[in-house]
Amino acid sequence: MAEVLHRPNQAIAIPADGRLEVVTFTLGQEEYGIDIQRVQELRGYDTVTCIANAPAHIKGVVNLRGIIVPIIDMRIKFNLGEPRYDEFTVVIVLNIGGRVVGMVVDSVSDVITLGAEQIKPAPEMGSALDTDYIIGLGTLDTRMLILVDIDRLMSSEELGLIEQLAT
């Protein structure tokens, strides 16, 4: 397993064949990508059970075949305006560190394979913008994908909260 370093103390693991498969999704006008190995399944958005006193981005929980799964709305998490739920809204069910979490996105586009040469370093934004969760930018023809380190985004502090909600 080779690694491509993008920033000090931050790397994205690229398989030995030099290709990374990502699931692409949209939030507003931007297109994002996450490692397909973290994705358990895709589901349409359904009603959630709200949890009192949870942060606004945690919409609630759903029962997924006997597993209580916290649902996080990424539009709210990223401050991208009022979320809307329609026939295109998707919940990406993730398996992160043995925990199952649902992430609400505007739509899922496709699965693409990026070669190491198509992954560019994430720009340094200083303290003006928290980009710790961005591992790079994927380029594919005229498309540019913001590649998200989903493990870092769902930080241990947040996952601890999610774990409490799910019990």
C-alpha atoms as a PDB file:
ATOM      1  CA  MET A   1       0.000   0.000   0.000  1.00  0.00           C
ATOM      2  CA  ALA A   2       1.600   3.253  -1.124  1.00  0.00           C
ATOM      3  CA  GLU A   3       0.809   6.637   0.368  1.00  0.00           C
ATOM      4  CA  VAL A   4       0.709  10.058  -1.236  1.00  0.00           C
ATOM      5  CA  LEU A   5       1.424  12.841   1.247  1.00  0.00           C
ATOM      6  CA  HIS A   6      -0.543  16.034   0.796  1.00  0.00           C
ATOM      7  CA  ARG A   7       0.256  17.940   3.960  1.00  0.00           C
ATOM      8  CA  PRO A   8       2.432  17.473   6.995  1.00  0.00           C
ATOM      9  CA  ASN A   9       0.904  14.739   9.180  1.00  0.00           C
ATOM     10  CA  GLN A  10      -1.828  14.040   6.659  1.00  0.00           C
ATOM     11  CA  ALA A  11      -1.911  11.387   3.971  1.00  0.00           C
ATOM     12  CA  ILE A  12      -4.343   9.524   1.827  1.00  0.00           C
ATOM     13  CA  ALA A  13      -3.725   5.845   1.319  1.00  0.00           C
ATOM     14  CA  ILE A  14      -3.537   4.950  -2.343  1.00  0.00           C
ATOM     15  CA  PRO A  15      -3.719   1.229  -3.171  1.00  0.00           C
ATOM     16  CA  ALA A  16      -0.596  -0.368  -4.630  1.00  0.00           C
ATOM     17  CA  ASP A  17      -2.018  -0.060  -8.164  1.00  0.00           C
ATOM     18  CA  GLY A  18      -2.012   3.745  -7.728  1.00  0.00           C
ATOM     19  CA  ARG A  19      -5.786   4.118  -8.088  1.00  0.00           C
ATOM     20  CA  LEU A  20      -8.338   5.369  -5.560  1.00  0.00           C
ATOM     21  CA  GLU A  21     -12.059   4.624  -5.903  1.00  0.00           C
ATOM     22  CA  VAL A  22     -14.327   7.361  -4.560  1.00  0.00           C
ATOM     23  CA  VAL A  23     -18.062   7.841  -4.238  1.00  0.00           C
ATOM     24  CA  THR A  24     -18.920  11.334  -5.458  1.00  0.00           C
ATOM     25  CA  PHE A  25     -21.710  13.437  -3.995  1.00  0.00           C
ATOM     26  CA  THR A  26     -22.944  16.986  -4.173  1.00  0.00           C
ATOM     27  CA  LEU A  27     -23.644  19.607  -1.548  1.00  0.00           C
ATOM     28  CA  GLY A  28     -24.915  22.799  -3.109  1.00  0.00           C
ATOM     29  CA  GLN A  29     -22.801  23.564  -6.184  1.00  0.00           C
ATOM     30  CA  GLU A  30     -19.747  21.589  -5.061  1.00  0.00           C
ATOM     31  CA  GLU A  31     -18.843  17.985  -5.741  1.00  0.00           C
ATOM     32  CA  TYR A  32     -17.103  15.895  -3.096  1.00  0.00           C
ATOM     33  CA  GLY A  33     -15.526  12.450  -2.995  1.00  0.00           C
ATOM     34  CA  ILE A  34     -14.988   9.934  -0.202  1.00  0.00           C
ATOM     35  CA  ASP A  35     -13.153   6.624  -0.195  1.00  0.00           C
ATOM     36  CA  ILE A  36     -15.589   3.934  -1.342  1.00  0.00           C
ATOM     37  CA  GLN A  37     -14.188   1.558   1.266  1.00  0.00           C
ATOM     38  CA  ARG A  38     -15.907   3.624   3.979  1.00  0.00           C
ATOM     39  CA  VAL A  39     -19.339   3.367   2.288  1.00  0.00           C
ATOM     40  CA  GLN A  40     -21.625   0.616   3.510  1.00  0.00           C
ATOM     41  CA  GLU A  41     -24.715   1.502   1.454  1.00  0.00           C
ATOM     42  CA  LEU A  42     -26.749   4.309  -0.114  1.00  0.00           C
ATOM     43  CA  ARG A  43     -30.341   5.000   0.941  1.00  0.00           C
ATOM     44  CA  GLY A  44     -32.998   7.553   0.159  1.00  0.00           C
ATOM     45  CA  TYR A  45     -33.664  10.086   2.916  1.00  0.00           C
ATOM     46  CA  ASP A  46     -36.375   8.929   5.293  1.00  0.00           C
ATOM     47  CA  THR A  47     -37.898  10.296   8.475  1.00  0.00           C
ATOM     48  CA  VAL A  48     -35.547  10.258  11.451  1.00  0.00           C
ATOM     49  CA  THR A  49     -36.242  10.107  15.172  1.00  0.00           C
ATOM     50  CA  CYS A  50     -35.055  13.390  16.653  1.00  0.00           C
ATOM     51  CA  ILE A  51     -32.803  13.380  19.709  1.00  0.00           C
ATOM     52  CA  ALA A  52     -33.361  16.160  22.259  1.00  0.00           C
ATOM     53  CA  ASN A  53     -30.451  18.568  22.762  1.00  0.00           C
ATOM     54  CA  ALA A  54     -28.421  17.136  19.874  1.00  0.00           C
ATOM     55  CA  PRO A  55     -26.385  19.585  17.766  1.00  0.00           C
ATOM     56  CA  ALA A  56     -28.306  20.943  14.756  1.00  0.00           C
ATOM     57  CA  HIS A  57     -26.276  18.901  12.236  1.00  0.00           C
ATOM     58  CA  ILE A  58     -27.304  15.639  13.916  1.00  0.00           C
ATOM     59  CA  LYS A  59     -30.780  15.195  12.460  1.00  0.00           C
ATOM     60  CA  GLY A  60     -31.568  12.187  14.644  1.00  0.00           C
ATOM     61  CA  VAL A  61     -31.352   8.413  14.392  1.00  0.00           C
ATOM     62  CA  VAL A  62     -32.848   5.644  12.273  1.00  0.00           C
ATOM     63  CA  ASN A  63     -33.177   1.932  12.861  1.00  0.00           C
ATOM     64  CA  LEU A  64     -31.259   0.194  10.083  1.00  0.00           C
ATOM     65  CA  ARG A  65     -31.924  -3.538  10.318  1.00  0.00           C
ATOM     66  CA  GLY A  66     -31.664  -3.463  14.099  1.00  0.00           C
ATOM     67  CA  ILE A  67     -28.742  -1.012  14.300  1.00  0.00           C
ATOM     68  CA  ILE A  68     -29.447   2.509  15.574  1.00  0.00           C
ATOM     69  CA  VAL A  69     -27.687   4.830  13.137  1.00  0.00           C
ATOM     70  CA  PRO A  70     -27.103   8.558  13.819  1.00  0.00           C
ATOM     71  CA  ILE A  71     -27.858  10.767  10.791  1.00  0.00           C
ATOM     72  CA  ILE A  72     -25.693  13.838  10.142  1.00  0.00           C
ATOM     73  CA  ASP A  73     -26.822  16.505   7.660  1.00  0.00           C
ATOM     74  CA  MET A  74     -23.701  17.682   5.836  1.00  0.00           C
ATOM     75  CA  ARG A  75     -25.362  20.883   4.567  1.00  0.00           C
ATOM     76  CA  ILE A  76     -25.838  21.958   8.168  1.00  0.00           C
ATOM     77  CA  LYS A  77     -22.391  20.678   9.216  1.00  0.00           C
ATOM     78  CA  PHE A  78     -20.708  22.714   6.454  1.00  0.00           C
ATOM     79  CA  ASN A  79     -23.001  25.779   6.879  1.00  0.00           C
ATOM     80  CA  LEU A  80     -24.224  25.542   3.281  1.00  0.00           C
ATOM     81  CA  GLY A  81     -27.644  27.048   3.807  1.00  0.00           C
ATOM     82  CA  GLU A  82     -31.010  25.534   4.547  1.00  0.00           C
ATOM     83  CA  PRO A  83     -31.154  21.804   3.803  1.00  0.00           C
ATOM     84  CA  ARG A  84     -33.793  20.539   1.416  1.00  0.00           C
ATOM     85  CA  TYR A  85     -35.054  17.004   1.240  1.00  0.00           C
ATOM     86  CA  ASP A  86     -36.365  15.729  -2.077  1.00  0.00           C
ATOM     87  CA  GLU A  87     -36.244  12.638  -4.268  1.00  0.00           C
ATOM     88  CA  PHE A  88     -32.526  13.215  -4.940  1.00  0.00           C
ATOM     89  CA  THR A  89     -31.497  13.491  -1.269  1.00  0.00           C
ATOM     90  CA  VAL A  90     -29.357  10.526  -0.260  1.00  0.00           C
ATOM     91  CA  VAL A  91     -28.088   9.106   3.003  1.00  0.00           C
ATOM     92  CA  ILE A  92     -24.621   7.622   2.608  1.00  0.00           C
ATOM     93  CA  VAL A  93     -24.282   4.970   5.290  1.00  0.00           C
ATOM     94  CA  LEU A  94     -20.663   4.840   6.428  1.00  0.00           C
ATOM     95  CA  ASN A  95     -18.706   2.393   8.516  1.00  0.00           C
ATOM     96  CA  ILE A  96     -16.051   4.357  10.381  1.00  0.00           C
ATOM     97  CA  GLY A  97     -13.973   2.656  13.013  1.00  0.00           C
ATOM     98  CA  GLY A  98     -16.628  -0.009  13.494  1.00  0.00           C
ATOM     99  CA  ARG A  99     -19.362   2.607  13.970  1.00  0.00           C
ATOM    100  CA  VAL A 100     -22.210   3.030  11.499  1.00  0.00           C
ATOM    101  CA  VAL A 101     -23.124   6.638  10.676  1.00  0.00           C
ATOM    102  CA  GLY A 102     -25.464   8.115   8.061  1.00  0.00           C
ATOM    103  CA  MET A 103     -24.522  11.270   6.188  1.00  0.00           C
ATOM    104  CA  VAL A 104     -27.212  13.280   4.342  1.00  0.00           C
ATOM    105  CA  VAL A 105     -26.082  14.786   1.019  1.00  0.00           C
ATOM    106  CA  ASP A 106     -27.950  16.532  -1.806  1.00  0.00           C
ATOM    107  CA  SER A 107     -27.262  13.728  -4.290  1.00  0.00           C
ATOM    108  CA  VAL A 108     -24.809  10.972  -5.140  1.00  0.00           C
ATOM    109  CA  SER A 109     -23.270  11.259  -8.588  1.00  0.00           C
ATOM    110  CA  ASP A 110     -21.225   8.140  -9.268  1.00  0.00           C
ATOM    111  CA  VAL A 111     -18.207   6.045  -8.370  1.00  0.00           C
ATOM    112  CA  ILE A 112     -14.985   7.056 -10.071  1.00  0.00           C
ATOM    113  CA  THR A 113     -11.426   5.831 -10.007  1.00  0.00           C
ATOM    114  CA  LEU A 114      -8.669   8.406  -9.653  1.00  0.00           C
ATOM    115  CA  GLY A 115      -5.037   7.746 -10.476  1.00  0.00           C
ATOM    116  CA  ALA A 116      -2.361   9.241  -8.210  1.00  0.00           C
ATOM    117  CA  GLU A 117      -1.627  11.863 -10.921  1.00  0.00           C
ATOM    118  CA  GLN A 118      -5.253  13.073 -10.680  1.00  0.00           C
ATOM    119  CA  ILE A 119      -5.025  13.844  -6.956  1.00  0.00           C
ATOM    120  CA  LYS A 120      -3.665  17.301  -6.214  1.00  0.00           C
ATOM    121  CA  PRO A 121      -2.708  18.696  -2.798  1.00  0.00           C
ATOM    122  CA  ALA A 122      -5.370  20.612  -0.901  1.00  0.00           C
ATOM    123  CA  PRO A 123      -4.637  24.337  -0.842  1.00  0.00           C
ATOM    124  CA  GLU A 124      -3.476  25.855   2.432  1.00  0.00           C
ATOM    125  CA  MET A 125      -6.115  28.343   3.593  1.00  0.00           C
ATOM    126  CA  GLY A 126      -4.523  29.472   6.841  1.00  0.00           C
ATOM    127  CA  SER A 127      -6.819  30.057   9.801  1.00  0.00           C
ATOM    128  CA  ALA A 128      -9.562  31.622   7.652  1.00  0.00           C
ATOM    129  CA  LEU A 129     -11.028  28.223   6.769  1.00  0.00           C
ATOM    130  CA  ASP A 130     -10.807  24.859   8.487  1.00  0.00           C
ATOM    131  CA  THR A 131      -9.610  22.479   5.777  1.00  0.00           C
ATOM    132  CA  ASP A 132      -8.283  19.723   8.039  1.00  0.00           C
ATOM    133  CA  TYR A 133     -10.813  17.302   6.575  1.00  0.00           C
ATOM    134  CA  ILE A 134      -9.781  17.977   2.956  1.00  0.00           C
ATOM    135  CA  ILE A 135      -7.115  15.545   1.766  1.00  0.00           C
ATOM    136  CA  GLY A 136      -6.827  16.840  -1.755  1.00  0.00           C
ATOM    137  CA  LEU A 137      -8.560  17.755  -4.969  1.00  0.00           C
ATOM    138  CA  GLY A 138      -9.402  15.133  -7.546  1.00  0.00           C
ATOM    139  CA  THR A 139      -9.378  16.180 -11.175  1.00  0.00           C
ATOM    140  CA  LEU A 140     -11.319  14.340 -13.844  1.00  0.00           C
ATOM    141  CA  ASP A 141     -11.673  16.067 -17.211  1.00  0.00           C
ATOM    142  CA  THR A 142     -13.443  19.339 -16.363  1.00  0.00           C
ATOM    143  CA  ARG A 143     -14.622  18.164 -12.939  1.00  0.00           C
ATOM    144  CA  MET A 144     -12.895  18.982  -9.687  1.00  0.00           C
ATOM    145  CA  LEU A 145     -13.748  16.926  -6.598  1.00  0.00           C
ATOM    146  CA  ILE A 146     -13.073  17.957  -3.038  1.00  0.00           C
ATOM    147  CA  LEU A 147     -11.669  14.768  -1.508  1.00  0.00           C
ATOM    148  CA  VAL A 148     -12.810  14.423   2.093  1.00  0.00           C
ATOM    149  CA  ASP A 149     -11.045  12.519   4.855  1.00  0.00           C
ATOM    150  CA  ILE A 150     -14.288  11.171   6.298  1.00  0.00           C
ATOM    151  CA  ASP A 151     -12.496   9.678   9.306  1.00  0.00           C
ATOM    152  CA  ARG A 152     -11.098  13.078  10.264  1.00  0.00           C
ATOM    153  CA  LEU A 153     -14.393  14.855   9.538  1.00  0.00           C
ATOM    154  CA  MET A 154     -16.261  12.490  11.815  1.00  0.00           C
ATOM    155  CA  SER A 155     -13.734  13.329  14.518  1.00  0.00           C
ATOM    156  CA  SER A 156     -13.303  11.209  17.603  1.00  0.00           C
ATOM    157  CA  GLU A 157     -15.002  13.916  19.688  1.00  0.00           C
ATOM    158  CA  GLU A 158     -18.012  13.928  17.350  1.00  0.00           C
ATOM    159  CA  LEU A 159     -18.071  10.149  17.092  1.00  0.00           C
ATOM    160  CA  GLY A 160     -18.042  10.009  20.878  1.00  0.00           C
ATOM    161  CA  LEU A 161     -21.205  12.121  20.846  1.00  0.00           C
ATOM    162  CA  ILE A 162     -22.668   9.952  18.106  1.00  0.00           C
ATOM    163  CA  GLU A 163     -21.830   6.839  20.102  1.00  0.00           C
ATOM    164  CA  GLN A 164     -23.696   8.295  23.102  1.00  0.00           C
ATOM    165  CA  LEU A 165     -26.743   9.075  20.960  1.00  0.00           C
ATOM    166  CA  ALA A 166     -26.786   5.593  19.473  1.00  0.00           C
ATOM    167  CA  THR A 167     -26.857   3.796  22.822  1.00  0.00           C
END
